[in-house]
Amino acid sequence: MRKGNMALLAYDLSPEGTATFRKTLVDYAPEDGPDGMVVDAEGNLWVAVRDETQKGVHVYTPEGEELAYVETPDKPTNVAFGRGKTSKTLYITAENCLYSIQTTKEGYHLPQK
């Protein structure tokens, strides 16, 4: 079975929403790559990575430099920060589990109308 592109990609977006300048930030091939991801208030990416050899949440700068790694017992599928008082809590879904960890970073959320 052929896997798709196992990479974390970045694009520049115009004000109209047109994507240009595709860049590979992290290439996971030939292992499994990223699944869900979320951004903190500083612009860092928190990425659920299903690679059996490094399963967990990897934290990257916008330039693709790895800042941190949180190992999980199961392959993670998605990540999200809480809101309000829990805005520094990272929730991680993984196969049949839900984990939460306290971070030092505030999660980014679009402003509410």
PDB file of N, CA and C in Angstrom:
ATOM      1  N   MET A   1       0.846  -1.177   0.000  1.00  0.00           N
ATOM      2  CA  MET A   1       0.000   0.000   0.000  1.00  0.00           C
ATOM      3  C   MET A   1       0.893   1.243   0.000  1.00  0.00           C
ATOM      4  N   ARG A   2       0.610   2.164  -0.878  1.00  0.00           N
ATOM      5  CA  ARG A   2       1.384   3.399  -0.985  1.00  0.00           C
ATOM      6  C   ARG A   2       0.815   4.454  -0.051  1.00  0.00           C
ATOM      7  N   LYS A   3       1.700   5.035   0.739  1.00  0.00           N
ATOM      8  CA  LYS A   3       1.298   6.126   1.619  1.00  0.00           C
ATOM      9  C   LYS A   3       1.368   7.425   0.839  1.00  0.00           C
ATOM     10  N   GLY A   4       0.641   8.405   1.302  1.00  0.00           N
ATOM     11  CA  GLY A   4       0.710   9.733   0.693  1.00  0.00           C
ATOM     12  C   GLY A   4       2.003  10.424   1.102  1.00  0.00           C
ATOM     13  N   ASN A   5       2.053  11.714   0.890  1.00  0.00           N
ATOM     14  CA  ASN A   5       3.214  12.507   1.248  1.00  0.00           C
ATOM     15  C   ASN A   5       3.312  12.570   2.774  1.00  0.00           C
ATOM     16  N   MET A   6       4.347  11.981   3.336  1.00  0.00           N
ATOM     17  CA  MET A   6       4.533  11.958   4.790  1.00  0.00           C
ATOM     18  C   MET A   6       5.406  13.130   5.211  1.00  0.00           C
ATOM     19  N   ALA A   7       4.880  14.335   5.032  1.00  0.00           N
ATOM     20  CA  ALA A   7       5.654  15.539   5.325  1.00  0.00           C
ATOM     21  C   ALA A   7       4.742  16.615   5.901  1.00  0.00           C
ATOM     22  N   LEU A   8       5.362  17.511   6.636  1.00  0.00           N
ATOM     23  CA  LEU A   8       4.689  18.698   7.139  1.00  0.00           C
ATOM     24  C   LEU A   8       5.063  19.822   6.186  1.00  0.00           C
ATOM     25  N   LEU A   9       4.073  20.388   5.517  1.00  0.00           N
ATOM     26  CA  LEU A   9       4.308  21.388   4.481  1.00  0.00           C
ATOM     27  C   LEU A   9       3.889  22.774   4.946  1.00  0.00           C
ATOM     28  N   ALA A  10       4.538  23.789   4.391  1.00  0.00           N
ATOM     29  CA  ALA A  10       4.197  25.184   4.692  1.00  0.00           C
ATOM     30  C   ALA A  10       3.972  25.925   3.382  1.00  0.00           C
ATOM     31  N   TYR A  11       3.077  26.889   3.404  1.00  0.00           N
ATOM     32  CA  TYR A  11       2.760  27.707   2.237  1.00  0.00           C
ATOM     33  C   TYR A  11       2.658  29.165   2.669  1.00  0.00           C
ATOM     34  N   ASP A  12       2.915  30.056   1.745  1.00  0.00           N
ATOM     35  CA  ASP A  12       2.589  31.461   1.942  1.00  0.00           C
ATOM     36  C   ASP A  12       1.159  31.650   1.463  1.00  0.00           C
ATOM     37  N   LEU A  13       0.377  32.442   2.180  1.00  0.00           N
ATOM     38  CA  LEU A  13      -1.002  32.724   1.780  1.00  0.00           C
ATOM     39  C   LEU A  13      -1.154  34.203   1.466  1.00  0.00           C
ATOM     40  N   SER A  14      -1.748  34.480   0.302  1.00  0.00           N
ATOM     41  CA  SER A  14      -2.037  35.869  -0.050  1.00  0.00           C
ATOM     42  C   SER A  14      -3.265  36.319   0.737  1.00  0.00           C
ATOM     43  N   PRO A  15      -3.528  37.617   0.803  1.00  0.00           N
ATOM     44  CA  PRO A  15      -4.739  38.104   1.494  1.00  0.00           C
ATOM     45  C   PRO A  15      -6.024  37.501   0.910  1.00  0.00           C
ATOM     46  N   GLU A  16      -5.965  37.096  -0.368  1.00  0.00           N
ATOM     47  CA  GLU A  16      -7.141  36.492  -1.004  1.00  0.00           C
ATOM     48  C   GLU A  16      -7.247  34.999  -0.708  1.00  0.00           C
ATOM     49  N   GLY A  17      -6.212  34.417  -0.060  1.00  0.00           N
ATOM     50  CA  GLY A  17      -6.247  32.997   0.277  1.00  0.00           C
ATOM     51  C   GLY A  17      -5.530  32.092  -0.705  1.00  0.00           C
ATOM     52  N   THR A  18      -4.831  32.646  -1.688  1.00  0.00           N
ATOM     53  CA  THR A  18      -4.088  31.833  -2.651  1.00  0.00           C
ATOM     54  C   THR A  18      -2.804  31.317  -2.003  1.00  0.00           C
ATOM     55  N   ALA A  19      -2.565  30.010  -2.111  1.00  0.00           N
ATOM     56  CA  ALA A  19      -1.363  29.396  -1.535  1.00  0.00           C
ATOM     57  C   ALA A  19      -0.245  29.373  -2.567  1.00  0.00           C
ATOM     58  N   THR A  20       0.926  29.830  -2.144  1.00  0.00           N
ATOM     59  CA  THR A  20       2.105  29.825  -3.013  1.00  0.00           C
ATOM     60  C   THR A  20       3.315  29.383  -2.191  1.00  0.00           C
ATOM     61  N   PHE A  21       4.440  29.202  -2.833  1.00  0.00           N
ATOM     62  CA  PHE A  21       5.717  28.890  -2.215  1.00  0.00           C
ATOM     63  C   PHE A  21       5.607  27.707  -1.256  1.00  0.00           C
ATOM     64  N   ARG A  22       5.391  26.515  -1.820  1.00  0.00           N
ATOM     65  CA  ARG A  22       5.320  25.295  -1.008  1.00  0.00           C
ATOM     66  C   ARG A  22       6.715  24.938  -0.502  1.00  0.00           C
ATOM     67  N   LYS A  23       6.796  24.674   0.811  1.00  0.00           N
ATOM     68  CA  LYS A  23       8.069  24.309   1.433  1.00  0.00           C
ATOM     69  C   LYS A  23       7.840  23.118   2.365  1.00  0.00           C
ATOM     70  N   THR A  24       8.745  22.157   2.346  1.00  0.00           N
ATOM     71  CA  THR A  24       8.687  21.038   3.282  1.00  0.00           C
ATOM     72  C   THR A  24       9.382  21.450   4.574  1.00  0.00           C
ATOM     73  N   LEU A  25       8.627  21.476   5.678  1.00  0.00           N
ATOM     74  CA  LEU A  25       9.210  21.803   6.978  1.00  0.00           C
ATOM     75  C   LEU A  25       9.858  20.578   7.612  1.00  0.00           C
ATOM     76  N   VAL A  26       9.141  19.450   7.581  1.00  0.00           N
ATOM     77  CA  VAL A  26       9.638  18.204   8.167  1.00  0.00           C
ATOM     78  C   VAL A  26       9.223  17.062   7.256  1.00  0.00           C
ATOM     79  N   ASP A  27      10.165  16.203   6.892  1.00  0.00           N
ATOM     80  CA  ASP A  27       9.890  15.036   6.061  1.00  0.00           C
ATOM     81  C   ASP A  27      10.001  13.790   6.934  1.00  0.00           C
ATOM     82  N   TYR A  28       8.904  13.065   7.088  1.00  0.00           N
ATOM     83  CA  TYR A  28       8.865  11.883   7.944  1.00  0.00           C
ATOM     84  C   TYR A  28       9.094  10.588   7.169  1.00  0.00           C
ATOM     85  N   ALA A  29       9.097  10.631   5.857  1.00  0.00           N
ATOM     86  CA  ALA A  29       9.206   9.426   5.031  1.00  0.00           C
ATOM     87  C   ALA A  29      10.451   8.636   5.416  1.00  0.00           C
ATOM     88  N   PRO A  30      10.379   7.340   5.405  1.00  0.00           N
ATOM     89  CA  PRO A  30       9.276   6.487   4.947  1.00  0.00           C
ATOM     90  C   PRO A  30       8.270   6.140   6.037  1.00  0.00           C
ATOM     91  N   GLU A  31       8.413   6.719   7.235  1.00  0.00           N
ATOM     92  CA  GLU A  31       7.510   6.420   8.350  1.00  0.00           C
ATOM     93  C   GLU A  31       6.208   7.212   8.209  1.00  0.00           C
ATOM     94  N   ASP A  32       5.244   6.891   9.101  1.00  0.00           N
ATOM     95  CA  ASP A  32       3.990   7.647   9.124  1.00  0.00           C
ATOM     96  C   ASP A  32       4.276   9.075   9.559  1.00  0.00           C
ATOM     97  N   GLY A  33       3.509   9.988   9.031  1.00  0.00           N
ATOM     98  CA  GLY A  33       3.748  11.397   9.288  1.00  0.00           C
ATOM     99  C   GLY A  33       2.711  12.022  10.187  1.00  0.00           C
ATOM    100  N   PRO A  34       2.487  13.310   9.974  1.00  0.00           N
ATOM    101  CA  PRO A  34       1.606  14.066  10.852  1.00  0.00           C
ATOM    102  C   PRO A  34       0.138  13.745  10.640  1.00  0.00           C
ATOM    103  N   ASP A  35      -0.618  13.944  11.691  1.00  0.00           N
ATOM    104  CA  ASP A  35      -2.069  13.816  11.621  1.00  0.00           C
ATOM    105  C   ASP A  35      -2.620  15.182  12.006  1.00  0.00           C
ATOM    106  N   GLY A  36      -3.312  15.320  13.120  1.00  0.00           N
ATOM    107  CA  GLY A  36      -3.845  16.609  13.527  1.00  0.00           C
ATOM    108  C   GLY A  36      -2.779  17.533  14.074  1.00  0.00           C
ATOM    109  N   MET A  37      -3.075  18.821  14.063  1.00  0.00           N
ATOM    110  CA  MET A  37      -2.127  19.796  14.600  1.00  0.00           C
ATOM    111  C   MET A  37      -2.868  21.024  15.104  1.00  0.00           C
ATOM    112  N   VAL A  38      -2.176  21.791  15.937  1.00  0.00           N
ATOM    113  CA  VAL A  38      -2.718  23.016  16.494  1.00  0.00           C
ATOM    114  C   VAL A  38      -1.560  24.004  16.652  1.00  0.00           C
ATOM    115  N   VAL A  39      -1.899  25.286  16.799  1.00  0.00           N
ATOM    116  CA  VAL A  39      -0.887  26.328  16.907  1.00  0.00           C
ATOM    117  C   VAL A  39      -1.012  26.987  18.278  1.00  0.00           C
ATOM    118  N   ASP A  40       0.134  27.305  18.886  1.00  0.00           N
ATOM    119  CA  ASP A  40       0.079  28.055  20.135  1.00  0.00           C
ATOM    120  C   ASP A  40       0.124  29.556  19.834  1.00  0.00           C
ATOM    121  N   ALA A  41      -0.010  30.371  20.862  1.00  0.00           N
ATOM    122  CA  ALA A  41      -0.089  31.829  20.685  1.00  0.00           C
ATOM    123  C   ALA A  41       1.203  32.427  20.131  1.00  0.00           C
ATOM    124  N   GLU A  42       2.315  31.694  20.204  1.00  0.00           N
ATOM    125  CA  GLU A  42       3.592  32.162  19.671  1.00  0.00           C
ATOM    126  C   GLU A  42       3.828  31.700  18.227  1.00  0.00           C
ATOM    127  N   GLY A  43       2.866  30.956  17.670  1.00  0.00           N
ATOM    128  CA  GLY A  43       2.978  30.494  16.289  1.00  0.00           C
ATOM    129  C   GLY A  43       3.654  29.151  16.114  1.00  0.00           C
ATOM    130  N   ASN A  44       3.940  28.448  17.215  1.00  0.00           N
ATOM    131  CA  ASN A  44       4.555  27.127  17.116  1.00  0.00           C
ATOM    132  C   ASN A  44       3.504  26.072  16.796  1.00  0.00           C
ATOM    133  N   LEU A  45       3.893  25.066  16.039  1.00  0.00           N
ATOM    134  CA  LEU A  45       3.000  23.978  15.656  1.00  0.00           C
ATOM    135  C   LEU A  45       3.134  22.812  16.624  1.00  0.00           C
ATOM    136  N   TRP A  46       2.031  22.301  17.105  1.00  0.00           N
ATOM    137  CA  TRP A  46       1.973  21.113  17.953  1.00  0.00           C
ATOM    138  C   TRP A  46       1.335  20.030  17.085  1.00  0.00           C
ATOM    139  N   VAL A  47       2.122  19.035  16.703  1.00  0.00           N
ATOM    140  CA  VAL A  47       1.726  18.083  15.669  1.00  0.00           C
ATOM    141  C   VAL A  47       1.634  16.665  16.237  1.00  0.00           C
ATOM    142  N   ALA A  48       0.485  16.019  16.037  1.00  0.00           N
ATOM    143  CA  ALA A  48       0.310  14.612  16.396  1.00  0.00           C
ATOM    144  C   ALA A  48       0.979  13.779  15.309  1.00  0.00           C
ATOM    145  N   VAL A  49       2.011  13.020  15.690  1.00  0.00           N
ATOM    146  CA  VAL A  49       2.773  12.215  14.724  1.00  0.00           C
ATOM    147  C   VAL A  49       2.567  10.740  15.040  1.00  0.00           C
ATOM    148  N   ARG A  50       2.130   9.982  14.018  1.00  0.00           N
ATOM    149  CA  ARG A  50       1.770   8.586  14.193  1.00  0.00           C
ATOM    150  C   ARG A  50       2.932   7.619  13.937  1.00  0.00           C
ATOM    151  N   ASP A  51       4.103   8.110  13.664  1.00  0.00           N
ATOM    152  CA  ASP A  51       5.279   7.285  13.411  1.00  0.00           C
ATOM    153  C   ASP A  51       5.527   6.367  14.609  1.00  0.00           C
ATOM    154  N   GLU A  52       5.509   5.056  14.390  1.00  0.00           N
ATOM    155  CA  GLU A  52       5.677   4.078  15.463  1.00  0.00           C
ATOM    156  C   GLU A  52       6.994   4.269  16.222  1.00  0.00           C
ATOM    157  N   THR A  53       8.023   4.777  15.548  1.00  0.00           N
ATOM    158  CA  THR A  53       9.323   4.945  16.199  1.00  0.00           C
ATOM    159  C   THR A  53       9.413   6.249  17.003  1.00  0.00           C
ATOM    160  N   GLN A  54       8.483   7.185  16.775  1.00  0.00           N
ATOM    161  CA  GLN A  54       8.489   8.468  17.498  1.00  0.00           C
ATOM    162  C   GLN A  54       7.074   8.950  17.758  1.00  0.00           C
ATOM    163  N   LYS A  55       6.171   8.029  18.094  1.00  0.00           N
ATOM    164  CA  LYS A  55       4.768   8.435  18.268  1.00  0.00           C
ATOM    165  C   LYS A  55       4.632   9.407  19.427  1.00  0.00           C
ATOM    166  N   GLY A  56       3.902  10.466  19.140  1.00  0.00           N
ATOM    167  CA  GLY A  56       3.687  11.484  20.148  1.00  0.00           C
ATOM    168  C   GLY A  56       3.420  12.824  19.513  1.00  0.00           C
ATOM    169  N   VAL A  57       3.571  13.870  20.311  1.00  0.00           N
ATOM    170  CA  VAL A  57       3.345  15.235  19.845  1.00  0.00           C
ATOM    171  C   VAL A  57       4.707  15.910  19.699  1.00  0.00           C
ATOM    172  N   HIS A  58       4.978  16.400  18.502  1.00  0.00           N
ATOM    173  CA  HIS A  58       6.206  17.125  18.212  1.00  0.00           C
ATOM    174  C   HIS A  58       5.857  18.605  18.105  1.00  0.00           C
ATOM    175  N   VAL A  59       6.680  19.452  18.689  1.00  0.00           N
ATOM    176  CA  VAL A  59       6.446  20.895  18.670  1.00  0.00           C
ATOM    177  C   VAL A  59       7.523  21.529  17.797  1.00  0.00           C
ATOM    178  N   TYR A  60       7.088  22.317  16.795  1.00  0.00           N
ATOM    179  CA  TYR A  60       8.001  22.935  15.836  1.00  0.00           C
ATOM    180  C   TYR A  60       7.801  24.450  15.795  1.00  0.00           C
ATOM    181  N   THR A  61       8.896  25.159  15.523  1.00  0.00           N
ATOM    182  CA  THR A  61       8.807  26.588  15.237  1.00  0.00           C
ATOM    183  C   THR A  61       8.166  26.740  13.859  1.00  0.00           C
ATOM    184  N   PRO A  62       7.752  27.951  13.483  1.00  0.00           N
ATOM    185  CA  PRO A  62       7.213  28.157  12.135  1.00  0.00           C
ATOM    186  C   PRO A  62       8.227  27.817  11.032  1.00  0.00           C
ATOM    187  N   GLU A  63       9.516  27.787  11.377  1.00  0.00           N
ATOM    188  CA  GLU A  63      10.555  27.446  10.390  1.00  0.00           C
ATOM    189  C   GLU A  63      10.832  25.945  10.333  1.00  0.00           C
ATOM    190  N   GLY A  64      10.193  25.151  11.206  1.00  0.00           N
ATOM    191  CA  GLY A  64      10.359  23.705  11.188  1.00  0.00           C
ATOM    192  C   GLY A  64      11.393  23.162  12.153  1.00  0.00           C
ATOM    193  N   GLU A  65      11.927  23.996  13.043  1.00  0.00           N
ATOM    194  CA  GLU A  65      12.889  23.531  14.049  1.00  0.00           C
ATOM    195  C   GLU A  65      12.120  22.869  15.191  1.00  0.00           C
ATOM    196  N   GLU A  66      12.523  21.652  15.565  1.00  0.00           N
ATOM    197  CA  GLU A  66      11.827  20.959  16.646  1.00  0.00           C
ATOM    198  C   GLU A  66      12.212  21.560  17.994  1.00  0.00           C
ATOM    199  N   LEU A  67      11.201  21.966  18.770  1.00  0.00           N
ATOM    200  CA  LEU A  67      11.401  22.560  20.090  1.00  0.00           C
ATOM    201  C   LEU A  67      11.208  21.555  21.216  1.00  0.00           C
ATOM    202  N   ALA A  68      10.280  20.628  21.028  1.00  0.00           N
ATOM    203  CA  ALA A  68       9.936  19.691  22.097  1.00  0.00           C
ATOM    204  C   ALA A  68       9.284  18.455  21.511  1.00  0.00           C
ATOM    205  N   TYR A  69       9.241  17.420  22.331  1.00  0.00           N
ATOM    206  CA  TYR A  69       8.612  16.154  21.953  1.00  0.00           C
ATOM    207  C   TYR A  69       7.929  15.582  23.187  1.00  0.00           C
ATOM    208  N   VAL A  70       6.654  15.219  23.048  1.00  0.00           N
ATOM    209  CA  VAL A  70       5.886  14.598  24.117  1.00  0.00           C
ATOM    210  C   VAL A  70       5.516  13.198  23.642  1.00  0.00           C
ATOM    211  N   GLU A  71       6.145  12.192  24.244  1.00  0.00           N
ATOM    212  CA  GLU A  71       5.853  10.809  23.851  1.00  0.00           C
ATOM    213  C   GLU A  71       4.488  10.399  24.373  1.00  0.00           C
ATOM    214  N   THR A  72       3.739   9.641  23.564  1.00  0.00           N
ATOM    215  CA  THR A  72       2.449   9.112  23.985  1.00  0.00           C
ATOM    216  C   THR A  72       2.487   7.583  23.890  1.00  0.00           C
ATOM    217  N   PRO A  73       1.751   6.884  24.757  1.00  0.00           N
ATOM    218  CA  PRO A  73       1.742   5.424  24.726  1.00  0.00           C
ATOM    219  C   PRO A  73       1.101   4.871  23.450  1.00  0.00           C
ATOM    220  N   ASP A  74       0.151   5.622  22.894  1.00  0.00           N
ATOM    221  CA  ASP A  74      -0.577   5.214  21.697  1.00  0.00           C
ATOM    222  C   ASP A  74      -0.296   6.201  20.577  1.00  0.00           C
ATOM    223  N   LYS A  75      -0.602   5.802  19.339  1.00  0.00           N
ATOM    224  CA  LYS A  75      -0.446   6.714  18.205  1.00  0.00           C
ATOM    225  C   LYS A  75      -1.463   7.848  18.326  1.00  0.00           C
ATOM    226  N   PRO A  76      -1.010   9.094  18.375  1.00  0.00           N
ATOM    227  CA  PRO A  76      -1.948  10.211  18.505  1.00  0.00           C
ATOM    228  C   PRO A  76      -2.645  10.508  17.181  1.00  0.00           C
ATOM    229  N   THR A  77      -3.858  11.022  17.285  1.00  0.00           N
ATOM    230  CA  THR A  77      -4.624  11.361  16.084  1.00  0.00           C
ATOM    231  C   THR A  77      -4.901  12.855  15.962  1.00  0.00           C
ATOM    232  N   ASN A  78      -4.979  13.559  17.097  1.00  0.00           N
ATOM    233  CA  ASN A  78      -5.256  14.990  17.028  1.00  0.00           C
ATOM    234  C   ASN A  78      -4.841  15.669  18.324  1.00  0.00           C
ATOM    235  N   VAL A  79      -4.730  16.987  18.270  1.00  0.00           N
ATOM    236  CA  VAL A  79      -4.362  17.801  19.429  1.00  0.00           C
ATOM    237  C   VAL A  79      -5.186  19.084  19.421  1.00  0.00           C
ATOM    238  N   ALA A  80      -5.454  19.624  20.609  1.00  0.00           N
ATOM    239  CA  ALA A  80      -6.184  20.890  20.718  1.00  0.00           C
ATOM    240  C   ALA A  80      -5.897  21.507  22.076  1.00  0.00           C
ATOM    241  N   PHE A  81      -5.828  22.834  22.113  1.00  0.00           N
ATOM    242  CA  PHE A  81      -5.695  23.551  23.377  1.00  0.00           C
ATOM    243  C   PHE A  81      -7.078  23.872  23.911  1.00  0.00           C
ATOM    244  N   GLY A  82      -7.194  23.913  25.240  1.00  0.00           N
ATOM    245  CA  GLY A  82      -8.434  24.329  25.860  1.00  0.00           C
ATOM    246  C   GLY A  82      -8.629  25.833  25.695  1.00  0.00           C
ATOM    247  N   ARG A  83      -9.713  26.340  26.248  1.00  0.00           N
ATOM    248  CA  ARG A  83     -10.020  27.774  26.196  1.00  0.00           C
ATOM    249  C   ARG A  83     -10.143  28.315  27.611  1.00  0.00           C
ATOM    250  N   GLY A  84     -10.014  29.614  27.732  1.00  0.00           N
ATOM    251  CA  GLY A  84     -10.184  30.252  29.037  1.00  0.00           C
ATOM    252  C   GLY A  84      -9.157  29.771  30.040  1.00  0.00           C
ATOM    253  N   LYS A  85      -9.620  29.278  31.197  1.00  0.00           N
ATOM    254  CA  LYS A  85      -8.719  28.826  32.255  1.00  0.00           C
ATOM    255  C   LYS A  85      -7.886  27.611  31.837  1.00  0.00           C
ATOM    256  N   THR A  86      -8.308  26.898  30.828  1.00  0.00           N
ATOM    257  CA  THR A  86      -7.568  25.712  30.368  1.00  0.00           C
ATOM    258  C   THR A  86      -6.797  25.981  29.073  1.00  0.00           C
ATOM    259  N   SER A  87      -6.502  27.236  28.782  1.00  0.00           N
ATOM    260  CA  SER A  87      -5.859  27.578  27.512  1.00  0.00           C
ATOM    261  C   SER A  87      -4.406  27.085  27.417  1.00  0.00           C
ATOM    262  N   LYS A  88      -3.831  26.641  28.535  1.00  0.00           N
ATOM    263  CA  LYS A  88      -2.486  26.046  28.505  1.00  0.00           C
ATOM    264  C   LYS A  88      -2.541  24.519  28.630  1.00  0.00           C
ATOM    265  N   THR A  89      -3.748  23.965  28.567  1.00  0.00           N
ATOM    266  CA  THR A  89      -3.917  22.517  28.600  1.00  0.00           C
ATOM    267  C   THR A  89      -3.991  22.011  27.164  1.00  0.00           C
ATOM    268  N   LEU A  90      -3.144  21.027  26.860  1.00  0.00           N
ATOM    269  CA  LEU A  90      -3.161  20.407  25.540  1.00  0.00           C
ATOM    270  C   LEU A  90      -3.890  19.078  25.659  1.00  0.00           C
ATOM    271  N   TYR A  91      -4.921  18.901  24.842  1.00  0.00           N
ATOM    272  CA  TYR A  91      -5.677  17.655  24.791  1.00  0.00           C
ATOM    273  C   TYR A  91      -5.182  16.850  23.595  1.00  0.00           C
ATOM    274  N   ILE A  92      -4.965  15.566  23.803  1.00  0.00           N
ATOM    275  CA  ILE A  92      -4.416  14.681  22.771  1.00  0.00           C
ATOM    276  C   ILE A  92      -5.349  13.485  22.630  1.00  0.00           C
ATOM    277  N   THR A  93      -5.897  13.272  21.434  1.00  0.00           N
ATOM    278  CA  THR A  93      -6.649  12.049  21.180  1.00  0.00           C
ATOM    279  C   THR A  93      -5.683  11.042  20.577  1.00  0.00           C
ATOM    280  N   ALA A  94      -5.846   9.774  20.985  1.00  0.00           N
ATOM    281  CA  ALA A  94      -4.964   8.718  20.502  1.00  0.00           C
ATOM    282  C   ALA A  94      -5.730   7.404  20.496  1.00  0.00           C
ATOM    283  N   GLU A  95      -5.967   6.877  19.303  1.00  0.00           N
ATOM    284  CA  GLU A  95      -6.687   5.627  19.121  1.00  0.00           C
ATOM    285  C   GLU A  95      -7.917   5.578  20.012  1.00  0.00           C
ATOM    286  N   ASN A  96      -7.884   4.940  21.174  1.00  0.00           N
ATOM    287  CA  ASN A  96      -9.069   4.836  22.040  1.00  0.00           C
ATOM    288  C   ASN A  96      -8.912   5.610  23.343  1.00  0.00           C
ATOM    289  N   CYS A  97      -8.057   6.630  23.343  1.00  0.00           N
ATOM    290  CA  CYS A  97      -7.762   7.355  24.582  1.00  0.00           C
ATOM    291  C   CYS A  97      -7.842   8.859  24.374  1.00  0.00           C
ATOM    292  N   LEU A  98      -7.999   9.572  25.488  1.00  0.00           N
ATOM    293  CA  LEU A  98      -7.904  11.023  25.511  1.00  0.00           C
ATOM    294  C   LEU A  98      -6.948  11.383  26.641  1.00  0.00           C
ATOM    295  N   TYR A  99      -5.902  12.127  26.299  1.00  0.00           N
ATOM    296  CA  TYR A  99      -4.915  12.559  27.282  1.00  0.00           C
ATOM    297  C   TYR A  99      -4.981  14.071  27.401  1.00  0.00           C
ATOM    298  N   SER A 100      -4.512  14.591  28.537  1.00  0.00           N
ATOM    299  CA  SER A 100      -4.340  16.035  28.674  1.00  0.00           C
ATOM    300  C   SER A 100      -3.041  16.282  29.423  1.00  0.00           C
ATOM    301  N   ILE A 101      -2.330  17.328  29.008  1.00  0.00           N
ATOM    302  CA  ILE A 101      -1.102  17.719  29.694  1.00  0.00           C
ATOM    303  C   ILE A 101      -1.105  19.236  29.861  1.00  0.00           C
ATOM    304  N   GLN A 102      -0.470  19.691  30.926  1.00  0.00           N
ATOM    305  CA  GLN A 102      -0.308  21.121  31.147  1.00  0.00           C
ATOM    306  C   GLN A 102       0.949  21.573  30.412  1.00  0.00           C
ATOM    307  N   THR A 103       0.863  22.678  29.691  1.00  0.00           N
ATOM    308  CA  THR A 103       2.007  23.216  28.974  1.00  0.00           C
ATOM    309  C   THR A 103       2.336  24.599  29.524  1.00  0.00           C
ATOM    310  N   THR A 104       3.427  25.146  29.074  1.00  0.00           N
ATOM    311  CA  THR A 104       3.779  26.518  29.454  1.00  0.00           C
ATOM    312  C   THR A 104       3.325  27.508  28.390  1.00  0.00           C
ATOM    313  N   LYS A 105       2.748  26.986  27.306  1.00  0.00           N
ATOM    314  CA  LYS A 105       2.322  27.820  26.183  1.00  0.00           C
ATOM    315  C   LYS A 105       0.813  27.994  26.160  1.00  0.00           C
ATOM    316  N   GLU A 106       0.396  29.159  25.768  1.00  0.00           N
ATOM    317  CA  GLU A 106      -1.025  29.479  25.593  1.00  0.00           C
ATOM    318  C   GLU A 106      -1.451  29.027  24.194  1.00  0.00           C
ATOM    319  N   GLY A 107      -2.589  28.353  24.110  1.00  0.00           N
ATOM    320  CA  GLY A 107      -3.099  27.955  22.801  1.00  0.00           C
ATOM    321  C   GLY A 107      -3.638  29.140  22.033  1.00  0.00           C
ATOM    322  N   TYR A 108      -3.513  29.102  20.710  1.00  0.00           N
ATOM    323  CA  TYR A 108      -4.060  30.181  19.865  1.00  0.00           C
ATOM    324  C   TYR A 108      -5.481  29.809  19.460  1.00  0.00           C
ATOM    325  N   HIS A 109      -6.378  30.777  19.542  1.00  0.00           N
ATOM    326  CA  HIS A 109      -7.759  30.618  19.077  1.00  0.00           C
ATOM    327  C   HIS A 109      -8.136  31.861  18.292  1.00  0.00           C
ATOM    328  N   LEU A 110      -8.885  31.687  17.231  1.00  0.00           N
ATOM    329  CA  LEU A 110      -9.380  32.830  16.478  1.00  0.00           C
ATOM    330  C   LEU A 110     -10.247  33.687  17.401  1.00  0.00           C
ATOM    331  N   PRO A 111     -10.193  34.996  17.231  1.00  0.00           N
ATOM    332  CA  PRO A 111     -11.039  35.862  18.069  1.00  0.00           C
ATOM    333  C   PRO A 111     -12.513  35.537  17.882  1.00  0.00           C
ATOM    334  N   GLN A 112     -13.255  35.542  18.977  1.00  0.00           N
ATOM    335  CA  GLN A 112     -14.684  35.275  18.891  1.00  0.00           C
ATOM    336  C   GLN A 112     -15.401  36.557  18.504  1.00  0.00           C
ATOM    337  N   LYS A 113     -16.444  36.420  17.709  1.00  0.00           N
ATOM    338  CA  LYS A 113     -17.204  37.585  17.226  1.00  0.00           C
ATOM    339  C   LYS A 113     -18.117  38.106  18.295  1.00  0.00           C
TER     340      LYS A 113
END
